[in-house]
Amino acid sequence: MTELRLTLSEIWEPEGSAKRSPSSPSGGRMSRAQRKELTRELLLDAAIEVFAEKGYHGASLDDVADAAGFTKGAVYSNFTRKSDLFRALLERETERYDQALTRTVEAVPPELLPDVAAELLADPESDQETRTLLVEFWLAAVRDPGLRPSLLHTRDLVGEAFEAKLQDAGAEPGFSGRELAVVFDALVTGLLMNRALDPEGEQPELLARALRKLLATDPPAAASSD
């Protein structure tokens, strides 16, 4: 699976997730607008840790400011309320996830998608913090219908990508692209939550087996040693 992991690291690197430099793209000093944008992104990065550790209701803007190394005033100059910061974080992270997941479906042959999904679920970088934050997003969207479009948009994009991939491959798994996306989302979300409780469990292998059934694909044959 070494080559597959290398491919995944290229596909799954979220756009804009690299460490940010305190200089402008041209190498000079940042403008006021650039400094404000950098501060905003650093606050959102810190909010991931804070919301994952304390939950939405247990976290405060002071906590986020402390984690980011800024004053409370820096937080309020970017986000008026905790709910504003949380919404901005949800929208940023789901947009990154949308891009990464769509690129993955588009780039990988249908017969390899189950193995790719299992690799992603088993990735040690998909840590407890990330899984906990996913739960926080899901719970927030259950309580606030206004947050649901951001999460459902991911499912719709994946459904379109599945549909195009199946048509190109001439595959007929018995499910539409949208139906596959719904089941895929339910499987991944549920197994991510299960993995948070049982990190050493067999969730990646179960996901691969389930997706092979859904996509009606067999695992790639082992290369001959002859």
Protein backbone atom coordinates (compact mmCIF):
# COMPACT_ATOMS: atom_id res chain seq x y z
CA MET A 1 0.00 0.00 0.00
CA THR A 2 3.04 2.31 0.02
CA GLU A 3 2.30 3.79 -3.40
CA LEU A 4 -1.34 4.26 -2.42
CA ARG A 5 -0.36 6.19 0.70
CA LEU A 6 1.85 8.49 -1.33
CA THR A 7 -1.03 9.13 -3.69
CA LEU A 8 -3.36 9.81 -0.80
CA SER A 9 -1.01 12.34 0.77
CA GLU A 10 -1.05 14.29 -2.48
CA ILE A 11 -4.80 14.05 -2.98
CA TRP A 12 -5.90 14.66 0.60
CA GLU A 13 -3.70 17.66 1.50
CA PRO A 14 -6.34 20.32 2.20
CA GLU A 15 -5.86 23.47 0.19
CA GLY A 16 -4.77 26.32 2.43
CA SER A 17 -3.82 24.02 5.29
CA ALA A 18 -0.08 24.66 5.15
CA LYS A 19 1.57 26.61 7.94
CA ARG A 20 1.26 30.26 7.20
CA SER A 21 4.23 32.60 7.07
CA PRO A 22 4.11 36.06 8.66
CA SER A 23 5.19 37.57 5.36
CA SER A 24 3.17 38.37 2.28
CA PRO A 25 3.25 36.10 -0.81
CA SER A 26 5.65 38.56 -2.44
CA GLY A 27 8.09 38.25 0.46
CA GLY A 28 7.51 41.76 1.84
CA ARG A 29 5.64 42.94 4.92
CA MET A 30 1.98 42.09 5.13
CA SER A 31 -0.69 44.68 4.65
CA ARG A 32 -3.25 45.34 7.38
CA ALA A 33 -5.80 43.25 5.50
CA GLN A 34 -3.32 40.36 5.22
CA ARG A 35 -2.50 40.53 8.93
CA LYS A 36 -6.21 40.48 9.78
CA GLU A 37 -6.77 37.48 7.52
CA LEU A 38 -3.80 35.66 9.08
CA THR A 39 -5.11 36.37 12.57
CA ARG A 40 -8.53 35.07 11.56
CA GLU A 41 -7.05 31.83 10.20
CA LEU A 42 -4.90 31.29 13.30
CA LEU A 43 -7.96 31.80 15.49
CA LEU A 44 -9.87 29.22 13.47
CA ASP A 45 -6.94 26.80 13.76
CA ALA A 46 -6.91 27.28 17.54
CA ALA A 47 -10.69 26.85 17.68
CA ILE A 48 -10.34 23.30 16.32
CA GLU A 49 -8.39 22.30 19.41
CA VAL A 50 -10.62 24.19 21.83
CA PHE A 51 -13.98 22.96 20.48
CA ALA A 52 -12.67 19.39 20.25
CA GLU A 53 -11.43 19.48 23.85
CA LYS A 54 -14.26 21.39 25.56
CA GLY A 55 -17.18 21.10 23.16
CA TYR A 56 -19.12 24.02 21.78
CA HIS A 57 -20.95 24.85 25.00
CA GLY A 58 -17.90 24.42 27.23
CA ALA A 59 -15.60 26.57 25.10
CA SER A 60 -15.31 30.34 25.27
CA LEU A 61 -13.80 33.04 23.09
CA ASP A 62 -11.23 33.58 25.87
CA ASP A 63 -10.18 29.95 25.49
CA VAL A 64 -9.71 30.39 21.75
CA ALA A 65 -7.73 33.60 22.25
CA ASP A 66 -5.44 31.90 24.78
CA ALA A 67 -4.89 28.87 22.52
CA ALA A 68 -4.00 31.13 19.58
CA GLY A 69 -1.80 33.42 21.67
CA PHE A 70 -3.91 36.51 21.03
CA THR A 71 -5.82 38.96 23.19
CA LYS A 72 -9.59 38.68 23.52
CA GLY A 73 -9.81 41.91 21.51
CA ALA A 74 -8.23 40.14 18.54
CA VAL A 75 -11.01 37.57 18.67
CA TYR A 76 -13.79 40.15 18.86
CA SER A 77 -12.30 42.13 15.98
CA ASN A 78 -12.88 39.05 13.81
CA PHE A 79 -15.88 37.32 15.41
CA THR A 80 -18.64 39.07 17.34
CA ARG A 81 -19.95 35.93 19.04
CA LYS A 82 -18.80 32.38 19.67
CA SER A 83 -21.48 31.17 17.27
CA ASP A 84 -19.94 33.32 14.50
CA LEU A 85 -16.54 31.72 15.04
CA PHE A 86 -18.03 28.22 15.13
CA ARG A 87 -19.98 28.79 11.91
CA ALA A 88 -16.88 30.14 10.18
CA LEU A 89 -14.89 27.11 11.31
CA LEU A 90 -17.56 24.69 10.12
CA GLU A 91 -17.76 26.38 6.72
CA ARG A 92 -13.96 26.45 6.29
CA GLU A 93 -13.42 22.83 7.30
CA THR A 94 -16.32 21.45 5.25
CA GLU A 95 -15.11 23.38 2.19
CA ARG A 96 -11.64 21.85 2.57
CA TYR A 97 -13.20 18.42 3.07
CA ASP A 98 -15.41 18.92 0.00
CA GLN A 99 -12.40 19.71 -2.17
CA ALA A 100 -10.30 16.85 -0.84
CA LEU A 101 -13.03 14.21 -1.01
CA THR A 102 -14.15 15.23 -4.50
CA ARG A 103 -10.55 15.13 -5.76
CA THR A 104 -10.18 11.67 -4.26
CA VAL A 105 -13.30 10.25 -5.94
CA GLU A 106 -12.34 11.83 -9.26
CA ALA A 107 -8.72 10.64 -9.16
CA VAL A 108 -9.12 7.03 -8.00
CA PRO A 109 -10.47 4.11 -10.09
CA PRO A 110 -13.77 2.70 -8.71
CA GLU A 111 -12.18 -0.62 -7.76
CA LEU A 112 -9.63 1.16 -5.55
CA LEU A 113 -12.06 3.50 -3.79
CA PRO A 114 -12.77 1.01 -0.95
CA ASP A 115 -9.06 0.70 -0.19
CA VAL A 116 -8.55 4.46 -0.38
CA ALA A 117 -11.45 5.06 2.02
CA ALA A 118 -10.03 2.49 4.44
CA GLU A 119 -6.58 4.11 4.27
CA LEU A 120 -8.08 7.49 5.07
CA LEU A 121 -10.04 6.12 8.01
CA ALA A 122 -6.90 4.40 9.34
CA ASP A 123 -4.68 7.47 8.79
CA PRO A 124 -3.10 8.38 12.15
CA GLU A 125 -3.37 12.05 11.20
CA SER A 126 -7.16 11.64 11.31
CA ASP A 127 -6.80 11.93 15.05
CA GLN A 128 -9.11 12.07 18.04
CA GLU A 129 -9.32 15.86 17.79
CA THR A 130 -10.58 15.70 14.20
CA ARG A 131 -13.12 12.99 14.96
CA THR A 132 -14.42 14.86 18.01
CA LEU A 133 -14.79 18.04 16.01
CA LEU A 134 -16.85 16.15 13.43
CA VAL A 135 -19.25 15.12 16.19
CA GLU A 136 -19.48 18.74 17.36
CA PHE A 137 -20.35 19.85 13.82
CA TRP A 138 -22.98 17.14 13.48
CA LEU A 139 -24.61 17.95 16.82
CA ALA A 140 -24.63 21.67 16.04
CA ALA A 141 -26.31 21.05 12.68
CA VAL A 142 -28.95 18.83 14.30
CA ARG A 143 -29.87 21.69 16.62
CA ASP A 144 -29.46 24.53 14.10
CA PRO A 145 -31.00 23.90 10.64
CA GLY A 146 -29.06 26.87 9.31
CA LEU A 147 -25.81 24.89 9.62
CA ARG A 148 -27.06 21.85 7.72
CA PRO A 149 -26.45 23.10 4.14
CA SER A 150 -22.67 23.18 4.71
CA LEU A 151 -22.62 19.53 5.73
CA LEU A 152 -25.14 18.32 3.16
CA HIS A 153 -23.26 20.12 0.39
CA THR A 154 -20.43 17.62 0.86
CA ARG A 155 -22.79 14.72 0.27
CA ASP A 156 -24.18 16.33 -2.88
CA LEU A 157 -20.71 16.96 -4.33
CA VAL A 158 -19.62 13.41 -3.63
CA GLY A 159 -22.82 12.11 -5.22
CA GLU A 160 -22.05 14.01 -8.43
CA ALA A 161 -18.48 12.74 -8.42
CA PHE A 162 -19.65 9.15 -7.86
CA GLU A 163 -22.16 9.45 -10.70
CA ALA A 164 -19.54 10.73 -13.14
CA LYS A 165 -17.04 8.07 -12.06
CA LEU A 166 -19.51 5.23 -12.48
CA GLN A 167 -20.57 6.45 -15.93
CA ASP A 168 -16.97 6.77 -17.09
CA ALA A 169 -16.16 3.28 -15.82
CA GLY A 170 -19.37 1.75 -17.19
CA ALA A 171 -20.05 0.32 -13.72
CA GLU A 172 -23.58 -0.57 -12.60
CA PRO A 173 -23.56 -1.15 -8.84
CA GLY A 174 -27.35 -0.86 -8.54
CA PHE A 175 -27.20 2.52 -6.78
CA SER A 176 -27.24 6.03 -8.15
CA GLY A 177 -24.34 8.33 -7.39
CA ARG A 178 -26.46 10.24 -4.88
CA GLU A 179 -27.55 7.03 -3.14
CA LEU A 180 -23.95 5.90 -2.89
CA ALA A 181 -22.98 9.26 -1.43
CA VAL A 182 -25.69 9.01 1.25
CA VAL A 183 -24.58 5.53 2.29
CA PHE A 184 -20.90 6.47 2.04
CA ASP A 185 -21.46 9.49 4.29
CA ALA A 186 -23.37 7.40 6.83
CA LEU A 187 -20.70 4.69 6.87
CA VAL A 188 -17.76 7.05 7.18
CA THR A 189 -19.41 9.27 9.80
CA GLY A 190 -20.55 6.32 11.88
CA LEU A 191 -17.22 4.50 11.68
CA LEU A 192 -15.29 7.67 12.48
CA MET A 193 -17.35 8.05 15.64
CA ASN A 194 -16.88 4.35 16.43
CA ARG A 195 -13.13 4.70 15.90
CA ALA A 196 -13.06 7.52 18.46
CA LEU A 197 -14.31 4.98 21.04
CA ASP A 198 -12.25 2.05 19.76
CA PRO A 199 -9.07 3.33 18.01
CA GLU A 200 -7.68 -0.20 17.64
CA GLY A 201 -10.84 -1.63 16.09
CA GLU A 202 -11.36 -2.96 12.57
CA GLN A 203 -13.33 0.00 11.23
CA PRO A 204 -11.09 0.59 8.15
CA GLU A 205 -11.37 -3.05 7.04
CA LEU A 206 -15.14 -3.02 7.61
CA LEU A 207 -15.47 0.16 5.55
CA ALA A 208 -13.51 -1.36 2.64
CA ARG A 209 -15.61 -4.53 2.68
CA ALA A 210 -18.89 -2.61 2.83
CA LEU A 211 -17.88 -0.29 -0.03
CA ARG A 212 -16.87 -3.24 -2.21
CA LYS A 213 -20.36 -4.65 -1.74
CA LEU A 214 -21.96 -1.29 -2.57
CA LEU A 215 -19.78 -0.67 -5.61
CA ALA A 216 -19.88 -4.32 -6.67
CA THR A 217 -16.08 -4.33 -6.99
CA ASP A 218 -13.53 -6.95 -6.05
CA PRO A 219 -10.19 -6.12 -4.46
CA PRO A 220 -7.36 -5.72 -7.02
CA ALA A 221 -5.62 -8.99 -7.78
CA ALA A 222 -2.19 -9.39 -6.23
CA ALA A 223 0.65 -8.87 -8.70
CA SER A 224 2.27 -12.10 -9.89
CA SER A 225 5.77 -12.79 -8.62
CA ASP A 226 6.69 -14.52 -11.90
